[in-house]
């Protein structure tokens, strides 16, 4: 019932970014130029010369609630997103997300009625599972009348915002830094903040740390 992130692959590195910047002069590397890369990338990031950071890419597979999926789609610059669609197939798995911080919050109305077990996490779980049940029943009954396509695309109205779908998401580094500036910050919604932080963690854990100086340049 948790959102999951997988880093499928990546292209580029600190050197890729630096060589892009040096295209206007001489791209060839030597030890002296390699030593200059951290300072160069920091200067370019600070001064807003960000086109060089478009020369790398980060490719993720994201399985998250629909509300967070919308956050990924909004305000995106240079991001490619292809998501699982309930319009084209019936969602069989009924995946969903439950907020961890809801577990110990009681439903005051039910608690006052002396229900033995009450929490808003439990309410959301039951509500989601009822919606999933109605979703499949609705498809079954609508299909003979409206056809399979219309049955699938309209029955999804029973799917809740915490239903999880899978998305293929690719950033160039410039767009990734933009995404993190919006979503990996204290005032962002908890779920998308956790996704952004997990993405950054996966990038930092790439063997060889190819983006070490780029990460530092953007203070990430």
N, C-alpha and C. Protein backbone atom coordinates (compact mmCIF):
# COMPACT_ATOMS: atom_id res chain seq x y z
N UNK A 1 0.81 -1.20 0.00
CA UNK A 1 0.00 0.00 0.00
C UNK A 1 0.85 1.26 0.00
N UNK A 2 2.12 1.13 -0.36
CA UNK A 2 3.02 2.28 -0.39
C UNK A 2 3.40 2.63 -1.82
N UNK A 3 3.72 3.89 -2.04
CA UNK A 3 4.26 4.32 -3.33
C UNK A 3 5.67 3.77 -3.49
N UNK A 4 6.03 3.41 -4.71
CA UNK A 4 7.36 2.85 -4.96
C UNK A 4 8.01 3.55 -6.16
N UNK A 5 9.32 3.68 -6.10
CA UNK A 5 10.10 4.32 -7.16
C UNK A 5 11.25 3.41 -7.55
N UNK A 6 11.48 3.27 -8.84
CA UNK A 6 12.62 2.50 -9.35
C UNK A 6 13.36 3.34 -10.38
N UNK A 7 14.67 3.41 -10.27
CA UNK A 7 15.49 4.08 -11.28
C UNK A 7 15.79 3.07 -12.38
N UNK A 8 15.20 3.26 -13.55
CA UNK A 8 15.37 2.31 -14.65
C UNK A 8 16.70 2.48 -15.36
N UNK A 9 17.18 3.73 -15.42
CA UNK A 9 18.43 3.96 -16.11
C UNK A 9 18.78 5.44 -16.11
N UNK A 10 19.96 5.75 -16.62
CA UNK A 10 20.39 7.14 -16.68
C UNK A 10 21.41 7.30 -17.79
N UNK A 11 21.52 8.51 -18.28
CA UNK A 11 22.54 8.85 -19.26
C UNK A 11 23.21 10.15 -18.83
N UNK A 12 24.50 10.24 -19.00
CA UNK A 12 25.21 11.48 -18.72
C UNK A 12 25.89 11.48 -17.37
N UNK A 13 26.53 12.62 -17.05
CA UNK A 13 27.31 12.73 -15.84
C UNK A 13 27.75 14.18 -15.68
N UNK A 14 28.51 14.45 -14.62
CA UNK A 14 29.12 15.77 -14.46
C UNK A 14 29.96 16.13 -15.68
N UNK A 15 30.68 15.16 -16.20
CA UNK A 15 31.54 15.41 -17.37
C UNK A 15 30.70 15.78 -18.59
N UNK A 16 29.58 15.09 -18.77
CA UNK A 16 28.68 15.42 -19.89
C UNK A 16 28.25 16.87 -19.83
N UNK A 17 27.88 17.33 -18.63
CA UNK A 17 27.45 18.72 -18.46
C UNK A 17 28.60 19.69 -18.74
N UNK A 18 29.76 19.36 -18.21
CA UNK A 18 30.92 20.25 -18.40
C UNK A 18 31.32 20.31 -19.88
N UNK A 19 31.34 19.18 -20.55
CA UNK A 19 31.72 19.18 -21.96
C UNK A 19 30.71 19.95 -22.81
N UNK A 20 29.44 19.89 -22.41
CA UNK A 20 28.44 20.69 -23.12
C UNK A 20 28.76 22.17 -22.99
N UNK A 21 29.15 22.59 -21.79
CA UNK A 21 29.52 23.99 -21.57
C UNK A 21 30.76 24.37 -22.37
N UNK A 22 31.68 23.44 -22.52
CA UNK A 22 32.94 23.73 -23.22
C UNK A 22 32.82 23.61 -24.74
N UNK A 23 31.62 23.29 -25.23
CA UNK A 23 31.44 23.17 -26.67
C UNK A 23 31.79 24.48 -27.38
N UNK A 24 31.52 25.60 -26.69
CA UNK A 24 31.79 26.90 -27.30
C UNK A 24 33.30 27.21 -27.34
N UNK A 25 34.08 26.42 -26.65
CA UNK A 25 35.55 26.62 -26.68
C UNK A 25 36.21 25.33 -27.17
N UNK A 26 36.69 24.51 -26.24
CA UNK A 26 37.32 23.23 -26.60
C UNK A 26 36.78 22.14 -25.68
N UNK A 27 36.18 21.11 -26.26
CA UNK A 27 35.54 20.04 -25.48
C UNK A 27 36.53 19.03 -24.90
N UNK A 28 37.70 18.95 -25.48
CA UNK A 28 38.65 17.91 -25.05
C UNK A 28 39.00 18.08 -23.58
N UNK A 29 39.15 16.92 -22.91
CA UNK A 29 39.44 16.92 -21.48
C UNK A 29 40.92 16.70 -21.21
N UNK A 30 41.38 17.28 -20.12
CA UNK A 30 42.68 16.95 -19.56
C UNK A 30 42.53 17.02 -18.04
N UNK A 31 43.53 16.65 -17.31
CA UNK A 31 43.42 16.61 -15.85
C UNK A 31 43.09 17.97 -15.26
N UNK A 32 43.66 19.02 -15.82
CA UNK A 32 43.41 20.36 -15.30
C UNK A 32 41.94 20.74 -15.47
N UNK A 33 41.35 20.41 -16.62
CA UNK A 33 39.94 20.74 -16.86
C UNK A 33 39.03 19.90 -15.98
N UNK A 34 39.37 18.65 -15.79
CA UNK A 34 38.56 17.78 -14.93
C UNK A 34 38.51 18.34 -13.51
N UNK A 35 39.62 18.88 -13.04
CA UNK A 35 39.66 19.47 -11.70
C UNK A 35 38.79 20.72 -11.61
N UNK A 36 38.55 21.37 -12.73
CA UNK A 36 37.73 22.58 -12.73
C UNK A 36 36.24 22.32 -12.77
N UNK A 37 35.82 21.07 -12.99
CA UNK A 37 34.41 20.75 -13.21
C UNK A 37 33.51 21.18 -12.04
N UNK A 38 33.85 20.86 -10.79
CA UNK A 38 32.95 21.26 -9.69
C UNK A 38 32.68 22.77 -9.66
N UNK A 39 33.72 23.57 -9.79
CA UNK A 39 33.57 25.03 -9.75
C UNK A 39 32.78 25.53 -10.95
N UNK A 40 33.04 24.94 -12.12
CA UNK A 40 32.32 25.33 -13.34
C UNK A 40 30.83 25.07 -13.21
N UNK A 41 30.47 23.87 -12.78
CA UNK A 41 29.06 23.51 -12.67
C UNK A 41 28.34 24.37 -11.64
N UNK A 42 29.00 24.66 -10.53
CA UNK A 42 28.41 25.52 -9.50
C UNK A 42 28.15 26.91 -10.05
N UNK A 43 29.11 27.46 -10.78
CA UNK A 43 28.97 28.80 -11.35
C UNK A 43 27.80 28.84 -12.34
N UNK A 44 27.72 27.84 -13.20
CA UNK A 44 26.66 27.81 -14.20
C UNK A 44 25.28 27.63 -13.56
N UNK A 45 25.19 26.77 -12.54
CA UNK A 45 23.92 26.58 -11.84
C UNK A 45 23.49 27.86 -11.14
N UNK A 46 24.42 28.52 -10.46
CA UNK A 46 24.10 29.74 -9.71
C UNK A 46 23.68 30.88 -10.63
N UNK A 47 24.28 30.96 -11.81
CA UNK A 47 24.00 32.06 -12.72
C UNK A 47 22.85 31.77 -13.69
N UNK A 48 22.22 30.59 -13.54
CA UNK A 48 21.06 30.27 -14.36
C UNK A 48 21.37 29.81 -15.77
N UNK A 49 22.61 29.43 -16.04
CA UNK A 49 22.98 28.89 -17.35
C UNK A 49 22.72 27.38 -17.34
N UNK A 50 21.45 27.01 -17.49
CA UNK A 50 21.03 25.64 -17.21
C UNK A 50 20.88 24.75 -18.44
N UNK A 51 21.07 25.29 -19.63
CA UNK A 51 20.86 24.45 -20.82
C UNK A 51 21.81 23.26 -20.86
N UNK A 52 23.01 23.44 -20.32
CA UNK A 52 23.97 22.31 -20.35
C UNK A 52 23.45 21.12 -19.56
N UNK A 53 22.59 21.37 -18.56
CA UNK A 53 22.09 20.29 -17.72
C UNK A 53 20.95 19.52 -18.39
N UNK A 54 20.59 19.94 -19.59
CA UNK A 54 19.58 19.20 -20.36
C UNK A 54 20.21 18.03 -21.11
N UNK A 55 21.52 17.88 -21.01
CA UNK A 55 22.22 16.87 -21.82
C UNK A 55 22.31 15.50 -21.14
N UNK A 56 21.69 15.38 -19.99
CA UNK A 56 21.66 14.07 -19.31
C UNK A 56 20.20 13.69 -19.08
N UNK A 57 19.96 12.44 -18.73
CA UNK A 57 18.59 12.00 -18.50
C UNK A 57 18.53 11.00 -17.35
N UNK A 58 17.39 11.02 -16.66
CA UNK A 58 17.12 10.12 -15.53
C UNK A 58 15.76 9.48 -15.78
N UNK A 59 15.71 8.16 -15.74
CA UNK A 59 14.52 7.41 -16.15
C UNK A 59 13.99 6.60 -14.96
N UNK A 60 12.76 6.90 -14.54
CA UNK A 60 12.17 6.27 -13.36
C UNK A 60 10.89 5.52 -13.72
N UNK A 61 10.61 4.48 -12.94
CA UNK A 61 9.30 3.82 -12.95
C UNK A 61 8.66 4.16 -11.61
N UNK A 62 7.51 4.82 -11.66
CA UNK A 62 6.86 5.34 -10.46
C UNK A 62 5.51 4.67 -10.29
N UNK A 63 5.28 4.07 -9.14
CA UNK A 63 3.99 3.48 -8.81
C UNK A 63 3.43 4.28 -7.64
N UNK A 64 2.47 5.16 -7.92
CA UNK A 64 2.02 6.09 -6.87
C UNK A 64 0.54 6.39 -6.98
N UNK A 65 0.02 7.01 -5.93
CA UNK A 65 -1.38 7.43 -5.90
C UNK A 65 -1.64 8.47 -6.99
N UNK A 66 -2.90 8.53 -7.42
CA UNK A 66 -3.27 9.43 -8.52
C UNK A 66 -3.01 10.89 -8.16
N UNK A 67 -3.22 11.27 -6.90
CA UNK A 67 -2.97 12.66 -6.49
C UNK A 67 -1.51 13.03 -6.72
N UNK A 68 -0.59 12.12 -6.38
CA UNK A 68 0.84 12.39 -6.60
C UNK A 68 1.19 12.35 -8.08
N UNK A 69 0.54 11.47 -8.83
CA UNK A 69 0.74 11.41 -10.28
C UNK A 69 0.42 12.77 -10.91
N UNK A 70 -0.65 13.40 -10.44
CA UNK A 70 -1.03 14.73 -10.95
C UNK A 70 0.04 15.76 -10.62
N UNK A 71 0.64 15.65 -9.43
CA UNK A 71 1.73 16.55 -9.06
C UNK A 71 2.91 16.40 -10.03
N UNK A 72 3.18 15.17 -10.48
CA UNK A 72 4.27 14.95 -11.43
C UNK A 72 3.95 15.61 -12.76
N UNK A 73 2.69 15.56 -13.16
CA UNK A 73 2.28 16.13 -14.43
C UNK A 73 2.25 17.66 -14.41
N UNK A 74 1.92 18.25 -13.26
CA UNK A 74 1.80 19.71 -13.17
C UNK A 74 3.17 20.38 -13.17
N UNK A 75 3.22 21.57 -13.73
CA UNK A 75 4.41 22.43 -13.70
C UNK A 75 5.65 21.72 -14.24
N UNK A 76 5.46 20.79 -15.15
CA UNK A 76 6.63 20.06 -15.61
C UNK A 76 7.29 20.78 -16.78
N UNK A 77 8.61 20.76 -16.79
CA UNK A 77 9.40 21.37 -17.85
C UNK A 77 10.38 20.31 -18.35
N UNK A 78 10.26 19.89 -19.58
CA UNK A 78 11.20 18.90 -20.11
C UNK A 78 11.08 17.54 -19.47
N UNK A 79 9.86 17.14 -19.09
CA UNK A 79 9.64 15.84 -18.46
C UNK A 79 8.74 15.00 -19.36
N UNK A 80 9.11 13.77 -19.60
CA UNK A 80 8.31 12.85 -20.39
C UNK A 80 7.60 11.86 -19.46
N UNK A 81 6.26 11.82 -19.53
CA UNK A 81 5.48 10.95 -18.65
C UNK A 81 4.53 10.10 -19.48
N UNK A 82 4.56 8.80 -19.27
CA UNK A 82 3.60 7.90 -19.90
C UNK A 82 3.01 7.03 -18.79
N UNK A 83 1.71 7.19 -18.51
CA UNK A 83 1.12 6.52 -17.36
C UNK A 83 0.12 5.44 -17.72
N UNK A 84 -0.06 4.54 -16.79
CA UNK A 84 -1.06 3.49 -16.89
C UNK A 84 -2.43 4.14 -17.01
N UNK A 85 -3.27 3.64 -17.90
CA UNK A 85 -4.56 4.27 -18.14
C UNK A 85 -5.71 3.29 -17.96
N UNK A 86 -6.67 3.68 -17.12
CA UNK A 86 -7.86 2.85 -16.91
C UNK A 86 -8.82 2.96 -18.09
N UNK A 87 -8.52 3.87 -19.01
CA UNK A 87 -9.39 3.97 -20.19
C UNK A 87 -9.16 2.81 -21.15
N UNK A 88 -7.92 2.32 -21.19
CA UNK A 88 -7.56 1.29 -22.16
C UNK A 88 -7.57 -0.12 -21.59
N UNK A 89 -7.58 -0.24 -20.28
CA UNK A 89 -7.62 -1.58 -19.70
C UNK A 89 -8.33 -1.51 -18.35
N UNK A 90 -8.88 -2.63 -17.94
CA UNK A 90 -9.46 -2.71 -16.60
C UNK A 90 -8.32 -2.91 -15.60
N UNK A 91 -8.28 -2.07 -14.58
CA UNK A 91 -7.22 -2.16 -13.57
C UNK A 91 -7.54 -3.32 -12.63
N UNK A 92 -6.81 -4.41 -12.79
CA UNK A 92 -7.12 -5.65 -12.07
C UNK A 92 -6.56 -5.68 -10.65
N UNK A 93 -5.44 -5.00 -10.42
CA UNK A 93 -4.73 -5.17 -9.16
C UNK A 93 -5.35 -4.42 -7.98
N UNK A 94 -6.10 -3.36 -8.26
CA UNK A 94 -6.73 -2.56 -7.20
C UNK A 94 -5.69 -2.07 -6.18
N UNK A 95 -4.59 -1.54 -6.67
CA UNK A 95 -3.55 -1.00 -5.79
C UNK A 95 -4.02 0.33 -5.23
N UNK A 96 -3.68 0.58 -3.98
CA UNK A 96 -4.01 1.88 -3.41
C UNK A 96 -3.02 2.24 -2.32
N UNK A 97 -3.09 3.49 -1.91
CA UNK A 97 -2.15 4.06 -0.94
C UNK A 97 -2.92 4.51 0.30
N UNK A 98 -2.37 4.22 1.49
CA UNK A 98 -2.95 4.69 2.74
C UNK A 98 -1.92 5.55 3.47
N UNK A 99 -2.26 6.79 3.83
CA UNK A 99 -1.31 7.66 4.53
C UNK A 99 -0.91 7.08 5.88
N UNK A 100 0.38 6.97 6.10
CA UNK A 100 0.89 6.42 7.36
C UNK A 100 0.44 7.26 8.57
N UNK A 101 0.36 8.58 8.38
CA UNK A 101 0.05 9.45 9.51
C UNK A 101 -1.43 9.50 9.86
N UNK A 102 -2.26 8.71 9.17
CA UNK A 102 -3.69 8.62 9.49
C UNK A 102 -4.00 7.49 10.48
N UNK A 103 -3.04 6.60 10.70
CA UNK A 103 -3.33 5.35 11.41
C UNK A 103 -3.89 5.55 12.80
N UNK A 104 -3.39 6.54 13.52
CA UNK A 104 -3.81 6.72 14.92
C UNK A 104 -4.73 7.91 15.11
N UNK A 105 -5.36 8.36 14.01
CA UNK A 105 -6.31 9.48 14.11
C UNK A 105 -7.72 8.89 14.13
N UNK A 106 -8.42 8.97 15.26
CA UNK A 106 -9.75 8.34 15.35
C UNK A 106 -10.82 9.15 14.63
N UNK A 107 -11.84 8.46 14.17
CA UNK A 107 -13.04 9.10 13.65
C UNK A 107 -13.88 9.50 14.86
N UNK A 108 -13.94 10.78 15.16
CA UNK A 108 -14.56 11.25 16.41
C UNK A 108 -16.02 10.83 16.50
N UNK A 109 -16.72 10.86 15.37
CA UNK A 109 -18.15 10.50 15.39
C UNK A 109 -18.34 9.03 15.76
N UNK A 110 -17.55 8.15 15.14
CA UNK A 110 -17.66 6.73 15.44
C UNK A 110 -17.17 6.43 16.86
N UNK A 111 -16.10 7.12 17.27
CA UNK A 111 -15.58 6.92 18.62
C UNK A 111 -16.63 7.29 19.66
N UNK A 112 -17.38 8.35 19.39
CA UNK A 112 -18.42 8.79 20.32
C UNK A 112 -19.56 7.78 20.40
N UNK A 113 -19.71 7.00 19.33
CA UNK A 113 -20.75 5.97 19.30
C UNK A 113 -20.23 4.65 19.87
N UNK A 114 -19.00 4.70 20.42
CA UNK A 114 -18.38 3.57 21.12
C UNK A 114 -18.10 2.39 20.19
N UNK A 115 -17.68 2.69 18.95
CA UNK A 115 -17.20 1.64 18.08
C UNK A 115 -15.87 1.13 18.64
N UNK A 116 -15.66 -0.18 18.53
CA UNK A 116 -14.45 -0.77 19.11
C UNK A 116 -13.20 -0.31 18.36
N UNK A 117 -13.24 -0.34 17.03
CA UNK A 117 -12.07 0.02 16.23
C UNK A 117 -12.44 1.18 15.31
N UNK A 118 -11.74 2.27 15.43
CA UNK A 118 -12.03 3.43 14.59
C UNK A 118 -10.76 4.21 14.28
N UNK A 119 -10.56 4.54 13.04
CA UNK A 119 -9.49 5.45 12.63
C UNK A 119 -9.82 5.91 11.22
N UNK A 120 -9.26 7.04 10.82
CA UNK A 120 -9.52 7.52 9.48
C UNK A 120 -8.77 6.68 8.45
N UNK A 121 -7.70 6.02 8.83
CA UNK A 121 -7.02 5.10 7.92
C UNK A 121 -7.94 3.91 7.60
N UNK A 122 -8.61 3.42 8.63
CA UNK A 122 -9.54 2.30 8.43
C UNK A 122 -10.72 2.73 7.55
N UNK A 123 -11.24 3.94 7.78
CA UNK A 123 -12.33 4.45 6.96
C UNK A 123 -11.92 4.54 5.49
N UNK A 124 -10.71 5.07 5.25
CA UNK A 124 -10.24 5.22 3.87
C UNK A 124 -10.03 3.87 3.22
N UNK A 125 -9.50 2.91 3.96
CA UNK A 125 -9.30 1.56 3.43
C UNK A 125 -10.63 0.95 2.99
N UNK A 126 -11.63 1.04 3.85
CA UNK A 126 -12.94 0.47 3.54
C UNK A 126 -13.60 1.19 2.37
N UNK A 127 -13.47 2.52 2.35
CA UNK A 127 -14.05 3.33 1.28
C UNK A 127 -13.41 2.98 -0.06
N UNK A 128 -12.08 2.82 -0.06
CA UNK A 128 -11.34 2.50 -1.28
C UNK A 128 -11.72 1.11 -1.78
N UNK A 129 -11.79 0.16 -0.88
CA UNK A 129 -12.11 -1.21 -1.28
C UNK A 129 -13.54 -1.32 -1.79
N UNK A 130 -14.46 -0.53 -1.23
CA UNK A 130 -15.82 -0.50 -1.75
C UNK A 130 -15.84 0.10 -3.15
N UNK A 131 -15.08 1.18 -3.36
CA UNK A 131 -14.99 1.77 -4.69
C UNK A 131 -14.43 0.80 -5.71
N UNK A 132 -13.41 0.03 -5.32
CA UNK A 132 -12.83 -0.97 -6.22
C UNK A 132 -13.84 -2.05 -6.58
N UNK A 133 -14.61 -2.47 -5.58
CA UNK A 133 -15.65 -3.49 -5.83
C UNK A 133 -16.67 -2.96 -6.83
N UNK A 134 -17.13 -1.72 -6.62
CA UNK A 134 -18.12 -1.12 -7.51
C UNK A 134 -17.55 -0.91 -8.91
N UNK A 135 -16.28 -0.59 -8.98
CA UNK A 135 -15.61 -0.39 -10.27
C UNK A 135 -15.72 -1.64 -11.14
N UNK A 136 -15.37 -2.79 -10.59
CA UNK A 136 -15.40 -4.03 -11.36
C UNK A 136 -16.84 -4.46 -11.67
N UNK A 137 -17.73 -4.29 -10.70
CA UNK A 137 -19.14 -4.64 -10.95
C UNK A 137 -19.74 -3.76 -12.02
N UNK A 138 -19.39 -2.49 -11.98
CA UNK A 138 -19.92 -1.54 -12.96
C UNK A 138 -19.46 -1.89 -14.37
N UNK A 139 -18.18 -2.23 -14.54
CA UNK A 139 -17.68 -2.62 -15.86
C UNK A 139 -18.46 -3.82 -16.38
N UNK A 140 -18.67 -4.78 -15.52
CA UNK A 140 -19.36 -6.00 -15.93
C UNK A 140 -20.78 -5.72 -16.42
N UNK A 141 -21.49 -4.84 -15.71
CA UNK A 141 -22.89 -4.57 -16.07
C UNK A 141 -23.02 -3.55 -17.20
N UNK A 142 -22.07 -2.62 -17.30
CA UNK A 142 -22.15 -1.63 -18.37
C UNK A 142 -21.73 -2.19 -19.72
N UNK A 143 -20.81 -3.14 -19.72
CA UNK A 143 -20.23 -3.63 -20.97
C UNK A 143 -21.27 -4.14 -21.97
N UNK A 144 -22.24 -4.97 -21.55
CA UNK A 144 -23.22 -5.46 -22.54
C UNK A 144 -24.09 -4.34 -23.12
N UNK A 145 -24.25 -3.25 -22.37
CA UNK A 145 -25.13 -2.16 -22.80
C UNK A 145 -24.38 -1.09 -23.58
N UNK A 146 -23.20 -0.69 -23.05
CA UNK A 146 -22.46 0.44 -23.61
C UNK A 146 -21.22 0.04 -24.39
N UNK A 147 -20.84 -1.22 -24.31
CA UNK A 147 -19.61 -1.66 -24.96
C UNK A 147 -18.43 -1.62 -23.99
N UNK A 148 -17.41 -2.41 -24.29
CA UNK A 148 -16.26 -2.55 -23.39
C UNK A 148 -15.52 -1.23 -23.20
N UNK A 149 -15.31 -0.47 -24.28
CA UNK A 149 -14.54 0.77 -24.18
C UNK A 149 -15.22 1.76 -23.25
N UNK A 150 -16.50 2.03 -23.47
CA UNK A 150 -17.21 3.01 -22.64
C UNK A 150 -17.35 2.50 -21.21
N UNK A 151 -17.52 1.21 -21.04
CA UNK A 151 -17.63 0.64 -19.69
C UNK A 151 -16.36 0.91 -18.89
N UNK A 152 -15.20 0.67 -19.49
CA UNK A 152 -13.93 0.88 -18.78
C UNK A 152 -13.68 2.35 -18.47
N UNK A 153 -13.89 3.21 -19.47
CA UNK A 153 -13.52 4.61 -19.27
C UNK A 153 -14.46 5.33 -18.31
N UNK A 154 -15.69 4.86 -18.17
CA UNK A 154 -16.63 5.53 -17.25
C UNK A 154 -16.67 4.89 -15.87
N UNK A 155 -16.43 3.59 -15.79
CA UNK A 155 -16.42 2.92 -14.48
C UNK A 155 -15.29 3.41 -13.60
N UNK A 156 -14.24 3.96 -14.20
CA UNK A 156 -13.11 4.45 -13.40
C UNK A 156 -13.50 5.62 -12.50
N UNK A 157 -14.68 6.19 -12.67
CA UNK A 157 -15.14 7.24 -11.75
C UNK A 157 -15.26 6.71 -10.32
N UNK A 158 -15.33 5.41 -10.17
CA UNK A 158 -15.36 4.82 -8.83
C UNK A 158 -13.97 4.74 -8.20
N UNK A 159 -12.92 4.93 -9.00
CA UNK A 159 -11.56 4.88 -8.48
C UNK A 159 -11.25 6.15 -7.68
N UNK A 160 -10.64 5.98 -6.53
CA UNK A 160 -10.36 7.10 -5.64
C UNK A 160 -8.99 7.71 -5.93
N UNK A 161 -8.74 8.90 -5.38
CA UNK A 161 -7.48 9.60 -5.60
C UNK A 161 -6.28 8.84 -5.02
N UNK A 162 -6.53 7.94 -4.07
CA UNK A 162 -5.43 7.18 -3.50
C UNK A 162 -5.17 5.88 -4.26
N UNK A 163 -5.91 5.64 -5.36
CA UNK A 163 -5.62 4.49 -6.21
C UNK A 163 -4.24 4.67 -6.84
N UNK A 164 -3.45 3.62 -6.86
CA UNK A 164 -2.09 3.72 -7.39
C UNK A 164 -2.04 3.29 -8.85
N UNK A 165 -1.32 4.08 -9.66
CA UNK A 165 -1.09 3.72 -11.05
C UNK A 165 0.42 3.80 -11.32
N UNK A 166 0.83 3.14 -12.37
CA UNK A 166 2.25 3.10 -12.70
C UNK A 166 2.56 4.07 -13.84
N UNK A 167 3.67 4.80 -13.69
CA UNK A 167 4.07 5.77 -14.71
C UNK A 167 5.54 5.61 -15.05
N UNK A 168 5.84 5.81 -16.33
CA UNK A 168 7.20 5.84 -16.85
C UNK A 168 7.58 7.32 -16.97
N UNK A 169 8.56 7.77 -16.18
CA UNK A 169 8.88 9.19 -16.08
C UNK A 169 10.35 9.42 -16.40
N UNK A 170 10.61 10.33 -17.34
CA UNK A 170 12.00 10.64 -17.68
C UNK A 170 12.23 12.15 -17.57
N UNK A 171 13.28 12.51 -16.85
CA UNK A 171 13.70 13.90 -16.70
C UNK A 171 15.05 14.11 -17.40
N UNK A 172 15.29 15.30 -17.96
CA UNK A 172 16.68 15.71 -18.12
C UNK A 172 17.07 16.36 -16.79
N UNK A 173 18.37 16.61 -16.57
CA UNK A 173 18.77 17.08 -15.24
C UNK A 173 18.16 18.44 -14.91
N UNK A 174 18.04 19.30 -15.89
CA UNK A 174 17.44 20.62 -15.64
C UNK A 174 16.02 20.48 -15.15
N UNK A 175 15.24 19.60 -15.79
CA UNK A 175 13.85 19.39 -15.37
C UNK A 175 13.79 18.68 -14.02
N UNK A 176 14.75 17.81 -13.75
CA UNK A 176 14.79 17.11 -12.47
C UNK A 176 15.04 18.11 -11.34
N UNK A 177 15.97 19.03 -11.54
CA UNK A 177 16.24 20.06 -10.53
C UNK A 177 15.02 20.95 -10.31
N UNK A 178 14.31 21.26 -11.39
CA UNK A 178 13.08 22.05 -11.29
C UNK A 178 12.03 21.30 -10.48
N UNK A 179 11.86 20.01 -10.77
CA UNK A 179 10.91 19.17 -10.05
C UNK A 179 11.25 19.12 -8.56
N UNK A 180 12.52 18.92 -8.23
CA UNK A 180 12.93 18.85 -6.83
C UNK A 180 12.72 20.19 -6.12
N UNK A 181 12.95 21.28 -6.82
CA UNK A 181 12.75 22.60 -6.22
C UNK A 181 11.30 22.82 -5.83
N UNK A 182 10.38 22.21 -6.60
CA UNK A 182 8.95 22.34 -6.30
C UNK A 182 8.47 21.30 -5.28
N UNK A 183 8.95 20.07 -5.41
CA UNK A 183 8.35 18.95 -4.68
C UNK A 183 9.16 18.41 -3.52
N UNK A 184 10.46 18.64 -3.51
CA UNK A 184 11.28 18.14 -2.39
C UNK A 184 11.55 19.30 -1.43
N UNK A 185 10.45 19.82 -0.87
CA UNK A 185 10.56 20.96 0.02
C UNK A 185 9.47 20.84 1.10
N UNK A 186 9.66 21.47 2.25
CA UNK A 186 8.76 21.26 3.39
C UNK A 186 7.30 21.57 3.13
N UNK A 187 6.99 22.54 2.25
CA UNK A 187 5.59 22.90 2.05
C UNK A 187 4.91 22.10 0.95
N UNK A 188 5.62 21.16 0.34
CA UNK A 188 5.00 20.28 -0.65
C UNK A 188 4.18 19.21 0.06
N UNK A 189 3.20 18.65 -0.64
CA UNK A 189 2.39 17.58 -0.05
C UNK A 189 3.29 16.41 0.31
N UNK A 190 3.02 15.80 1.45
CA UNK A 190 3.90 14.75 1.99
C UNK A 190 4.20 13.67 0.98
N UNK A 191 3.18 13.16 0.28
CA UNK A 191 3.38 12.02 -0.60
C UNK A 191 4.32 12.36 -1.77
N UNK A 192 4.12 13.52 -2.41
CA UNK A 192 4.99 13.86 -3.53
C UNK A 192 6.38 14.24 -3.02
N UNK A 193 6.45 14.79 -1.82
CA UNK A 193 7.75 15.11 -1.22
C UNK A 193 8.56 13.83 -1.00
N UNK A 194 7.90 12.79 -0.54
CA UNK A 194 8.58 11.51 -0.33
C UNK A 194 9.04 10.90 -1.65
N UNK A 195 8.23 11.03 -2.70
CA UNK A 195 8.61 10.53 -4.01
C UNK A 195 9.84 11.27 -4.53
N UNK A 196 9.82 12.60 -4.42
CA UNK A 196 10.95 13.40 -4.89
C UNK A 196 12.22 13.06 -4.11
N UNK A 197 12.10 12.93 -2.81
CA UNK A 197 13.26 12.61 -1.98
C UNK A 197 13.81 11.23 -2.33
N UNK A 198 12.92 10.28 -2.61
CA UNK A 198 13.36 8.93 -2.96
C UNK A 198 14.06 8.92 -4.32
N UNK A 199 13.54 9.71 -5.25
CA UNK A 199 14.21 9.83 -6.56
C UNK A 199 15.63 10.36 -6.39
N UNK A 200 15.77 11.42 -5.60
CA UNK A 200 17.10 12.00 -5.39
C UNK A 200 18.02 11.00 -4.71
N UNK A 201 17.51 10.25 -3.75
CA UNK A 201 18.32 9.24 -3.06
C UNK A 201 18.83 8.20 -4.07
N UNK A 202 17.96 7.75 -4.97
CA UNK A 202 18.36 6.75 -5.96
C UNK A 202 19.44 7.29 -6.89
N UNK A 203 19.33 8.56 -7.25
CA UNK A 203 20.35 9.17 -8.12
C UNK A 203 21.68 9.27 -7.38
N UNK A 204 21.63 9.63 -6.09
CA UNK A 204 22.86 9.74 -5.31
C UNK A 204 23.53 8.37 -5.12
N UNK A 205 22.74 7.30 -5.19
CA UNK A 205 23.27 5.96 -4.97
C UNK A 205 23.73 5.27 -6.25
N UNK A 206 23.68 5.97 -7.40
CA UNK A 206 24.19 5.36 -8.63
C UNK A 206 25.67 5.04 -8.45
N UNK A 207 26.10 3.83 -8.76
CA UNK A 207 27.52 3.48 -8.60
C UNK A 207 28.44 4.47 -9.30
N UNK A 208 29.47 4.88 -8.60
CA UNK A 208 30.41 5.84 -9.16
C UNK A 208 30.02 7.28 -8.97
N UNK A 209 28.79 7.51 -8.50
CA UNK A 209 28.30 8.86 -8.21
C UNK A 209 28.56 9.83 -9.38
N UNK A 210 28.02 9.53 -10.58
CA UNK A 210 28.35 10.33 -11.76
C UNK A 210 27.83 11.77 -11.72
N UNK A 211 26.85 12.04 -10.84
CA UNK A 211 26.27 13.39 -10.77
C UNK A 211 26.67 14.11 -9.47
N UNK A 212 27.75 13.69 -8.85
CA UNK A 212 28.16 14.24 -7.56
C UNK A 212 28.26 15.77 -7.58
N UNK A 213 28.94 16.32 -8.56
CA UNK A 213 29.18 17.76 -8.58
C UNK A 213 27.96 18.54 -9.09
N UNK A 214 27.15 17.89 -9.92
CA UNK A 214 25.90 18.52 -10.36
C UNK A 214 24.94 18.64 -9.18
N UNK A 215 24.86 17.60 -8.38
CA UNK A 215 24.02 17.62 -7.18
C UNK A 215 24.47 18.74 -6.25
N UNK A 216 25.77 18.85 -6.05
CA UNK A 216 26.31 19.90 -5.19
C UNK A 216 26.06 21.29 -5.78
N UNK A 217 26.13 21.40 -7.11
CA UNK A 217 25.94 22.69 -7.76
C UNK A 217 24.55 23.24 -7.52
N UNK A 218 23.56 22.34 -7.44
CA UNK A 218 22.17 22.76 -7.20
C UNK A 218 21.78 22.68 -5.73
N UNK A 219 22.77 22.41 -4.87
CA UNK A 219 22.52 22.33 -3.42
C UNK A 219 21.42 21.34 -3.07
N UNK A 220 21.47 20.18 -3.69
CA UNK A 220 20.42 19.16 -3.49
C UNK A 220 20.86 18.14 -2.43
